Protein backbone atom coordinates (compact mmCIF):
# COMPACT_ATOMS: atom_id res chain seq x y z
CA UNK A 1 32.03 -13.47 -32.22
CA UNK A 2 29.73 -11.58 -34.61
CA UNK A 3 26.98 -13.67 -36.52
CA UNK A 4 23.81 -12.05 -38.95
CA UNK A 5 20.57 -12.83 -37.01
CA UNK A 6 17.11 -12.21 -38.47
CA UNK A 7 15.31 -10.30 -35.91
CA UNK A 8 11.76 -12.45 -34.82
CA UNK A 9 9.38 -11.40 -32.43
CA UNK A 10 9.77 -9.54 -28.78
CA UNK A 11 10.78 -11.22 -25.46
CA UNK A 12 10.85 -10.09 -22.19
CA UNK A 13 14.00 -7.82 -20.46
CA UNK A 14 14.25 -5.36 -23.44
CA UNK A 15 15.45 -7.92 -25.58
CA UNK A 16 14.11 -9.88 -28.95
CA UNK A 17 14.55 -12.74 -29.93
CA UNK A 18 16.00 -14.80 -33.28
CA UNK A 19 17.44 -18.00 -33.57
CA UNK A 20 21.54 -19.47 -34.91
CA UNK A 21 21.82 -22.51 -36.25
CA UNK A 22 18.49 -23.34 -33.93
CA UNK A 23 19.82 -22.47 -30.75
CA UNK A 24 17.93 -18.79 -29.21
CA UNK A 25 19.76 -16.12 -29.47
CA UNK A 26 18.51 -13.06 -27.51
CA UNK A 27 19.26 -9.60 -28.50
CA UNK A 28 20.01 -5.86 -27.15
CA UNK A 29 19.09 -3.45 -29.78
CA UNK A 30 17.21 -5.04 -31.87
CA UNK A 31 13.67 -4.98 -33.87
CA UNK A 32 11.20 -7.85 -34.53
CA UNK A 33 12.20 -8.25 -38.94
CA UNK A 34 15.50 -6.21 -38.56
CA UNK A 35 18.54 -7.60 -40.13
CA UNK A 36 21.41 -7.48 -38.13
CA UNK A 37 25.13 -7.82 -37.16
CA UNK A 38 25.40 -9.15 -33.44
CA UNK A 39 27.92 -9.16 -30.95
CA UNK A 40 27.15 -12.81 -28.67
CA UNK A 41 28.37 -12.35 -25.35
CA UNK A 42 31.62 -14.77 -23.44
CA UNK A 43 31.57 -17.37 -23.38
CA UNK A 44 29.47 -18.25 -27.21
CA UNK A 45 30.51 -21.54 -27.49
CA UNK A 46 28.66 -23.11 -24.22
CA UNK A 47 25.88 -25.62 -25.24
CA UNK A 48 23.03 -23.54 -23.74
CA UNK A 49 19.89 -23.52 -24.56
CA UNK A 50 20.51 -19.78 -25.49
CA UNK A 51 22.74 -17.20 -25.87
CA UNK A 52 22.53 -13.46 -25.83
CA UNK A 53 24.22 -10.72 -27.66
CA UNK A 54 23.76 -7.16 -28.82
CA UNK A 55 23.27 -5.20 -31.73
CA UNK A 56 26.94 -4.11 -33.51
CA UNK A 57 25.25 -3.43 -36.58
CA UNK A 58 21.90 -2.61 -38.57
CA UNK A 59 21.08 -4.27 -42.11
CA UNK A 60 17.89 -4.25 -42.92
CA UNK A 61 16.16 -1.90 -40.08
CA UNK A 62 12.28 -1.48 -39.18
CA UNK A 63 10.01 1.33 -39.61
CA UNK A 64 9.79 1.97 -35.45
CA UNK A 65 14.44 2.33 -34.77
CA UNK A 66 15.49 5.78 -34.21
CA UNK A 67 18.31 7.31 -33.34
CA UNK A 68 19.18 7.10 -29.46
CA UNK A 69 18.65 10.63 -28.20
CA UNK A 70 20.92 9.49 -25.67
CA UNK A 71 23.56 7.93 -26.90
CA UNK A 72 25.69 6.90 -23.91
CA UNK A 73 22.13 4.46 -23.26
CA UNK A 74 22.62 3.24 -26.84
CA UNK A 75 24.24 -0.08 -28.13
CA UNK A 76 28.47 -0.93 -26.77
CA UNK A 77 29.08 -0.05 -30.36
CA UNK A 78 27.66 3.74 -30.88
CA UNK A 79 30.30 4.22 -27.71
CA UNK A 80 26.79 3.55 -24.97
CA UNK A 81 26.45 0.17 -22.56
CA UNK A 82 25.71 2.37 -19.18
CA UNK A 83 21.89 1.53 -19.09
CA UNK A 84 19.13 2.41 -17.37
CA UNK A 85 17.33 3.34 -21.04
CA UNK A 86 17.46 -0.10 -23.33
CA UNK A 87 14.27 0.49 -25.76
CA UNK A 88 15.98 4.00 -26.71
CA UNK A 89 16.96 2.29 -30.27
CA UNK A 90 12.62 2.26 -30.14
CA UNK A 91 10.42 5.14 -31.75
CA UNK A 92 7.60 6.61 -29.01
CA UNK A 93 4.95 5.09 -30.71
CA UNK A 94 7.63 1.46 -31.32
CA UNK A 95 7.88 1.19 -27.51
CA UNK A 96 3.81 1.05 -26.82
CA UNK A 97 3.57 -1.78 -29.46
CA UNK A 98 6.73 -3.41 -27.82
CA UNK A 99 4.98 -3.21 -24.41
CA UNK A 100 1.72 -4.11 -24.87
CA UNK A 101 3.44 -7.42 -27.12
CA UNK A 102 4.97 -7.93 -23.93
CA UNK A 103 2.26 -8.39 -21.44
CA UNK A 104 -0.91 -9.92 -24.17
CA UNK A 105 2.42 -12.69 -24.51
CA UNK A 106 2.88 -12.80 -21.43
CA UNK A 107 -1.02 -12.83 -20.45
CA UNK A 108 -1.07 -15.68 -22.88
CA UNK A 109 1.53 -18.12 -22.20
CA UNK A 110 1.70 -18.21 -18.27
CA UNK A 111 -1.13 -16.57 -17.32
CA UNK A 112 -3.21 -19.13 -19.32
CA UNK A 113 -5.89 -16.25 -20.00
CA UNK A 114 -7.09 -14.45 -23.64
CA UNK A 115 -7.43 -11.16 -23.87
CA UNK A 116 -7.34 -8.62 -27.10
CA UNK A 117 -3.90 -6.83 -26.98
CA UNK A 118 -3.18 -4.65 -24.27
CA UNK A 119 -3.53 -0.61 -24.32
CA UNK A 120 -0.71 1.21 -22.87
CA UNK A 121 -1.27 4.17 -21.84
CA UNK A 122 1.12 7.07 -22.06
CA UNK A 123 1.52 9.65 -19.25
CA UNK A 124 0.87 13.74 -20.41
CA UNK A 125 3.33 16.41 -21.86
CA UNK A 126 5.69 12.35 -22.36
CA UNK A 127 5.79 12.49 -25.89
CA UNK A 128 6.51 16.41 -26.79
CA UNK A 129 9.49 15.83 -23.99
CA UNK A 130 10.74 12.97 -26.32
CA UNK A 131 10.82 10.30 -23.62
CA UNK A 132 12.65 12.26 -21.39
CA UNK A 133 12.36 14.19 -18.25
CA UNK A 134 10.02 12.52 -16.31
CA UNK A 135 12.33 10.10 -13.55
CA UNK A 136 11.63 11.99 -10.14
CA UNK A 137 14.49 10.16 -8.11
CA UNK A 138 17.75 9.29 -9.49
CA UNK A 139 20.79 6.93 -7.99
CA UNK A 140 24.94 7.20 -9.44
CA UNK A 141 28.08 6.10 -7.74
CA UNK A 142 31.27 8.27 -7.39
CA UNK A 143 33.81 7.03 -9.58
CA UNK A 144 37.93 7.57 -9.25
CA UNK A 145 37.86 11.28 -9.62
CA UNK A 146 34.44 11.96 -7.35
CA UNK A 147 32.49 12.31 -10.48
CA UNK A 148 28.76 11.37 -10.56
CA UNK A 149 28.69 8.60 -13.13
CA UNK A 150 27.06 5.06 -14.83
CA UNK A 151 28.32 1.69 -14.83
CA UNK A 152 28.88 0.47 -17.92
CA UNK A 153 27.08 -2.91 -18.71
CA UNK A 154 29.65 -6.18 -19.16
CA UNK A 155 32.96 -3.86 -17.45
CA UNK A 156 34.01 -2.50 -14.38
CA UNK A 157 34.33 1.07 -15.96
CA UNK A 158 32.16 3.64 -14.96
CA UNK A 159 31.22 6.59 -17.28
CA UNK A 160 31.23 9.77 -15.73
CA UNK A 161 27.78 12.08 -16.58
CA UNK A 162 27.36 15.26 -16.60
CA UNK A 163 23.48 15.03 -17.05
CA UNK A 164 20.32 12.82 -16.72
CA UNK A 165 18.13 12.97 -19.93
CA UNK A 166 15.06 10.99 -18.20
CA UNK A 167 15.26 12.96 -14.89
CA UNK A 168 12.51 15.69 -14.71
CA UNK A 169 12.90 19.52 -15.07
CA UNK A 170 12.58 20.62 -11.63
CA UNK A 171 15.53 17.67 -10.63
CA UNK A 172 17.96 18.76 -13.57
CA UNK A 173 17.80 22.33 -11.91
CA UNK A 174 18.09 21.40 -8.53
CA UNK A 175 20.95 19.02 -9.34
CA UNK A 176 22.32 21.93 -11.45
CA UNK A 177 21.31 24.34 -7.90
CA UNK A 178 23.08 21.96 -6.27
CA UNK A 179 26.69 21.90 -8.37
CA UNK A 180 26.17 18.00 -8.52
CA UNK A 181 27.71 17.77 -12.00
CA UNK A 182 31.49 19.65 -10.58
CA UNK A 183 31.88 16.60 -8.34
CA UNK A 184 33.14 16.01 -5.46
CA UNK A 185 31.70 13.66 -4.01
CA UNK A 186 34.12 10.50 -2.51
CA UNK A 187 35.08 7.76 -4.83
CA UNK A 188 32.30 5.19 -4.68
CA UNK A 189 29.93 6.95 -2.74
CA UNK A 190 26.46 6.70 -3.81
CA UNK A 191 24.29 10.03 -4.95
CA UNK A 192 20.87 9.96 -4.49
CA UNK A 193 18.28 12.95 -5.71
CA UNK A 194 14.74 12.43 -5.00
CA UNK A 195 12.69 15.88 -6.35
CA UNK A 196 8.62 15.62 -6.45
CA UNK A 197 7.10 16.67 -9.04
CA UNK A 198 5.50 20.55 -8.26
CA UNK A 199 2.15 20.69 -8.96
CA UNK A 200 0.56 23.28 -10.24
CA UNK A 201 3.06 24.76 -12.35
CA UNK A 202 3.41 23.54 -16.15
CA UNK A 203 6.93 22.09 -15.75
CA UNK A 204 6.87 21.16 -19.02
CA UNK A 205 7.92 25.14 -19.82
CA UNK A 206 9.11 26.73 -17.37
CA UNK A 207 12.52 27.72 -16.47
CA UNK A 208 15.07 27.06 -14.05
CA UNK A 209 14.62 29.80 -11.57
CA UNK A 210 10.74 28.97 -11.68
CA UNK A 211 11.36 24.95 -11.25
CA UNK A 212 13.43 26.31 -8.15
CA UNK A 213 11.16 28.63 -7.23
CA UNK A 214 8.30 26.19 -7.20
CA UNK A 215 10.11 22.77 -5.32
CA UNK A 216 11.45 25.37 -2.40
CA UNK A 217 12.95 22.98 0.27
CA UNK A 218 11.26 19.80 -1.14
CA UNK A 219 14.02 17.75 -2.12
CA UNK A 220 16.31 15.91 -1.35
CA UNK A 221 20.43 14.69 -2.25
CA UNK A 222 22.01 12.11 -0.19
CA UNK A 223 24.95 10.48 0.41
CA UNK A 224 25.50 7.11 1.11
CA UNK A 225 21.86 7.76 2.53
CA UNK A 226 22.89 10.42 4.66
CA UNK A 227 21.14 13.68 4.03
CA UNK A 228 23.79 16.33 2.14
CA UNK A 229 20.53 18.86 1.40
CA UNK A 230 16.95 19.13 1.33
CA UNK A 231 14.29 17.21 3.78
CA UNK A 232 14.78 14.14 5.00
CA UNK A 233 10.97 13.46 4.29
CA UNK A 234 9.68 14.76 0.99
CA UNK A 235 6.09 15.95 -0.50
CA UNK A 236 4.35 14.50 -2.62
CA UNK A 237 1.36 15.64 -3.49
CA UNK A 238 -1.51 13.45 -6.10
CA UNK A 239 -4.79 14.88 -7.08
CA UNK A 240 -7.47 11.45 -7.00
CA UNK A 241 -11.50 12.58 -8.01
CA UNK A 242 -11.00 15.53 -8.16
CA UNK A 243 -9.33 15.58 -4.35
CA UNK A 244 -5.64 16.62 -3.31
CA UNK A 245 -3.95 13.75 -0.91
CA UNK A 246 -0.94 15.31 0.64
CA UNK A 247 1.66 12.20 1.47
CA UNK A 248 5.54 12.31 3.60
CA UNK A 249 7.33 9.79 1.82
CA UNK A 250 11.22 8.64 3.28
CA UNK A 251 13.93 10.62 0.39
CA UNK A 252 15.34 7.52 0.48
CA UNK A 253 12.70 5.35 0.42
CA UNK A 254 10.43 3.84 -2.39
CA UNK A 255 7.90 6.02 -4.00
CA UNK A 256 5.89 5.80 -7.59
CA UNK A 257 8.69 7.31 -10.29
CA UNK A 258 7.48 8.94 -13.12
CA UNK A 259 6.31 12.45 -12.11
CA UNK A 260 2.79 11.33 -13.13
CA UNK A 261 2.78 8.19 -12.45
CA UNK A 262 0.90 8.33 -8.85
CA UNK A 263 -1.82 10.38 -10.49
CA UNK A 264 -2.69 8.13 -13.04
CA UNK A 265 -2.09 4.70 -11.05
CA UNK A 266 -3.94 5.83 -7.76
CA UNK A 267 -7.25 7.49 -10.04
CA UNK A 268 -7.34 4.58 -12.07
CA UNK A 269 -7.09 2.44 -9.02
CA UNK A 270 -10.27 4.35 -7.36
CA UNK A 271 -12.67 4.34 -10.85
CA UNK A 272 -12.13 0.50 -10.45
CA UNK A 273 -12.65 0.10 -7.06
CA UNK A 274 -16.23 2.56 -6.96
CA UNK A 275 -17.14 0.68 -10.41
CA UNK A 276 -16.82 -3.16 -8.35
CA UNK A 277 -18.34 -1.42 -5.12
CA UNK A 278 -21.31 -0.03 -7.93
CA UNK A 279 -22.91 2.22 -5.37
CA UNK A 280 -23.03 0.25 -1.53
CA UNK A 281 -22.34 2.96 1.26
CA UNK A 282 -20.05 0.52 3.23
CA UNK A 283 -16.99 -1.35 1.99
CA UNK A 284 -14.27 -3.19 3.60
CA UNK A 285 -11.16 -2.75 1.56
CA UNK A 286 -7.21 -4.23 1.67
CA UNK A 287 -4.77 -2.59 0.30
CA UNK A 288 -1.41 -5.23 0.66
CA UNK A 289 1.76 -4.25 -0.33
CA UNK A 290 1.42 -0.29 0.54
CA UNK A 291 4.14 1.57 0.49
CA UNK A 292 3.45 4.96 2.05
CA UNK A 293 -0.28 4.71 1.13
CA UNK A 294 -0.29 6.08 -2.13
CA UNK A 295 -4.06 3.72 -2.86
CA UNK A 296 -5.11 3.88 1.06
CA UNK A 297 -5.36 7.83 1.81
CA UNK A 298 -7.79 7.98 -1.48
CA UNK A 299 -9.45 4.47 -1.15
CA UNK A 300 -10.18 5.35 2.61
CA UNK A 301 -12.24 8.47 2.55
CA UNK A 302 -13.76 7.80 -1.17
CA UNK A 303 -14.42 4.68 -1.85
CA UNK A 304 -17.59 4.87 0.09
CA UNK A 305 -19.45 7.12 2.49
CA UNK A 306 -18.41 4.18 5.20
CA UNK A 307 -15.22 2.37 4.34
CA UNK A 308 -12.72 0.12 6.70
CA UNK A 309 -9.77 -0.48 5.12
CA UNK A 310 -6.69 -3.11 6.38
CA UNK A 311 -3.18 -1.65 4.84
CA UNK A 312 0.06 -3.78 5.55
CA UNK A 313 3.72 -3.79 4.02
CA UNK A 314 6.69 -5.10 5.08
CA UNK A 315 8.77 -1.45 5.02
CA UNK A 316 8.92 -0.30 9.07
CA UNK A 317 9.47 3.16 7.64
CA UNK A 318 7.08 2.96 4.62
CA UNK A 319 4.15 2.44 7.17
CA UNK A 320 5.44 5.00 9.72
CA UNK A 321 4.90 7.19 7.00
CA UNK A 322 1.62 5.93 5.79
CA UNK A 323 0.58 6.32 9.90
CA UNK A 324 1.28 9.50 9.35
CA UNK A 325 -0.73 10.45 6.53
CA UNK A 326 -3.47 9.15 7.84
CA UNK A 327 -3.65 11.55 10.65
CA UNK A 328 -2.47 13.55 8.88
CA UNK A 329 -5.84 13.42 6.81
CA UNK A 330 -7.49 12.86 9.89
CA UNK A 331 -8.66 9.23 8.57
CA UNK A 332 -9.44 6.86 11.58
CA UNK A 333 -11.13 4.65 9.56
CA UNK A 334 -8.05 2.34 7.86
CA UNK A 335 -5.36 0.22 10.00
CA UNK A 336 -2.15 0.00 8.70
CA UNK A 337 0.63 -2.46 9.92
CA UNK A 338 3.52 -3.16 8.69
CA UNK A 339 4.80 -6.90 8.00
CA UNK A 340 5.09 -9.93 5.52
CA UNK A 341 2.69 -9.83 4.13
CA UNK A 342 1.30 -13.58 4.23
CA UNK A 343 2.17 -13.75 7.75
CA UNK A 344 -0.06 -10.79 8.80
CA UNK A 345 -3.21 -12.11 6.52
CA UNK A 346 -3.73 -15.11 9.06
CA UNK A 347 -4.20 -12.54 11.91
CA UNK A 348 -6.61 -10.08 10.34
CA UNK A 349 -9.45 -8.72 12.77
CA UNK A 350 -12.44 -10.76 12.32
CA UNK A 351 -14.72 -7.30 11.69
CA UNK A 352 -11.71 -6.59 8.67
CA UNK A 353 -11.68 -10.19 7.66
CA UNK A 354 -13.98 -10.47 4.38
CA UNK A 355 -12.88 -7.76 2.08
CA UNK A 356 -15.32 -6.63 -0.82
CA UNK A 357 -12.31 -5.50 -2.87
CA UNK A 358 -8.52 -6.54 -2.64
CA UNK A 359 -5.45 -3.54 -4.11
CA UNK A 360 -2.11 -4.93 -4.40
CA UNK A 361 0.98 -3.93 -5.09
CA UNK A 362 3.48 -6.57 -5.03
CA UNK A 363 7.17 -6.04 -5.56
CA UNK A 364 8.84 -7.49 -8.88
CA UNK A 365 8.45 -10.80 -7.90
CA UNK A 366 4.92 -11.00 -7.50
CA UNK A 367 2.31 -12.18 -4.48
CA UNK A 368 2.92 -15.63 -5.23
CA UNK A 369 -0.06 -18.65 -5.00
CA UNK A 370 -0.04 -18.76 -1.11
CA UNK A 371 -0.85 -14.92 -0.84
CA UNK A 372 -3.14 -15.18 -3.58
CA UNK A 373 -4.91 -18.16 -1.52
CA UNK A 374 -5.78 -16.08 1.27
CA UNK A 375 -7.67 -13.58 -1.28
CA UNK A 376 -9.52 -15.30 -2.82
CA UNK A 377 -10.15 -17.50 0.84
CA UNK A 378 -10.94 -14.18 2.50
CA UNK A 379 -13.79 -13.84 -0.33
CA UNK A 380 -13.40 -11.02 -2.00
CA UNK A 381 -15.54 -10.41 -4.72
CA UNK A 382 -13.14 -8.23 -6.72
CA UNK A 383 -9.19 -7.83 -7.00
CA UNK A 384 -6.87 -5.06 -8.46
CA UNK A 385 -3.94 -6.08 -9.21
CA UNK A 386 -1.06 -3.80 -10.26
CA UNK A 387 2.02 -5.23 -11.52
CA UNK A 388 5.08 -3.36 -12.63
CA UNK A 389 7.05 -6.96 -14.12
CA UNK A 390 4.24 -8.35 -16.70
CA UNK A 391 5.44 -12.64 -15.66
CA UNK A 392 5.30 -11.60 -12.24
CA UNK A 393 1.03 -10.85 -12.96
CA UNK A 394 1.25 -13.74 -15.08
CA UNK A 395 1.78 -16.28 -13.28
CA UNK A 396 -0.49 -14.31 -10.56
CA UNK A 397 -3.05 -14.40 -12.40
CA UNK A 398 -2.91 -18.11 -13.57
CA UNK A 399 -3.20 -18.81 -9.84
CA UNK A 400 -6.08 -16.68 -9.68
CA UNK A 401 -7.92 -17.25 -12.68
CA UNK A 402 -6.88 -20.85 -13.57
CA UNK A 403 -7.50 -22.62 -10.17
CA UNK A 404 -9.32 -19.97 -7.57
CA UNK A 405 -12.16 -19.19 -9.47
CA UNK A 406 -11.65 -15.22 -10.63
CA UNK A 407 -12.28 -14.05 -14.70
CA UNK A 408 -10.07 -11.37 -15.67
CA UNK A 409 -12.60 -8.25 -16.09
CA UNK A 410 -10.13 -5.34 -17.56
CA UNK A 411 -6.54 -4.29 -18.29
CA UNK A 412 -4.22 -2.06 -19.02
CA UNK A 413 -1.59 -0.80 -18.86
CA UNK A 414 0.64 2.37 -18.55
CA UNK A 415 3.69 3.53 -19.90
CA UNK A 416 5.43 5.30 -16.74
CA UNK A 417 8.88 3.96 -17.86
CA UNK A 418 9.66 5.81 -21.00
CA UNK A 419 12.84 4.66 -22.92
CA UNK A 420 13.06 1.34 -21.00
CA UNK A 421 11.30 -2.44 -21.23
CA UNK A 422 9.41 -1.66 -18.23
CA UNK A 423 5.80 -1.44 -17.98
CA UNK A 424 2.94 -1.12 -15.61
CA UNK A 425 -0.08 -3.25 -15.89
CA UNK A 426 -3.11 -3.49 -14.09
CA UNK A 427 -5.15 -5.84 -13.44
CA UNK A 428 -9.12 -6.36 -12.97
CA UNK A 429 -10.06 -10.50 -11.86
CA UNK A 430 -13.53 -10.88 -10.77
CA UNK A 431 -16.03 -13.39 -9.36
CA UNK A 432 -19.65 -13.72 -8.76
């Protein structure tokens, strides 16, 4: 069933909102102010609170609308539907406006705080690259012919692909060298490439041979979790406040996926921590949901002359890597623990029980109220919350600000997921 809809505003999950006979409809590939023809998702005749649908024709276009640079990720009506780039129809400035509006709205409606429009910062060279070539990790599934593929939305159809426009130029060079696009995989197998961004080379303009030389053996091709070529552990290099830190990271594990995200986030977090410590020489810090130690390492060494740190992460492999990274940097002042954050915080050593600043980077579901209360009970004067989901951030902000006496002192976002609705937000909450 197709209907005409006037689009009213941005919504979450890369959709916009319109109304049909008083019923809310969430529309993919739309923009506010547009008049569009929408194909409603089946079944569209249910008595639900809302419907969903997708643009099949634009009758009156927004100035922010552009032709998708990656057609396969665009609307189904244009031969797309593979996912992975749900804002591919939006100009780069329009994408920043979209993300700022969503964060600001969620902080108002769910966080119950008033703030100016949240600024969204873009990584170096992302405009020059057209919002493409930023992913240092990609995952695909082999189709029935053994070719790398992505599933078309709303079906079981697998669309073979011969490139990945969002992948970094270094990753694409490795993929070509490893003949990934030639196929030959077992049908149904999961294919993962991890290629850390090589530092000290202009990856925006270097040719494939220069990129391959810079990458060396620091990459991984995994099939169904098993290493096919490269290294099981890859090395990530991040410069924070002029100091370079090297990390060992599991090739099949989590790491910030944008080539510049670790640098941008770690430097901003360091700036905020130092601002909160205000020159004091001694500090206790917590790094919760700490992964392989992206923030733990620089904070342990640079935040204050005498820093003691507790880091907690639920993934055993990530914690083993964090402990290795701490030893490699000869850091003995950090206690890196594995376990559920809420339960682990019930048994904190007395010398680490009262942090000056808490840094947390929880999964998409957020930290939730119990952990927020534990942070407040610790007496922490400042909380630096890194969020990949504005809704979860807003919900936890309502707990920290509305119930526990903190105030929102700073908030900004980073567009480390161009062409998608995802955005990373960093909020500083403090209290006297």
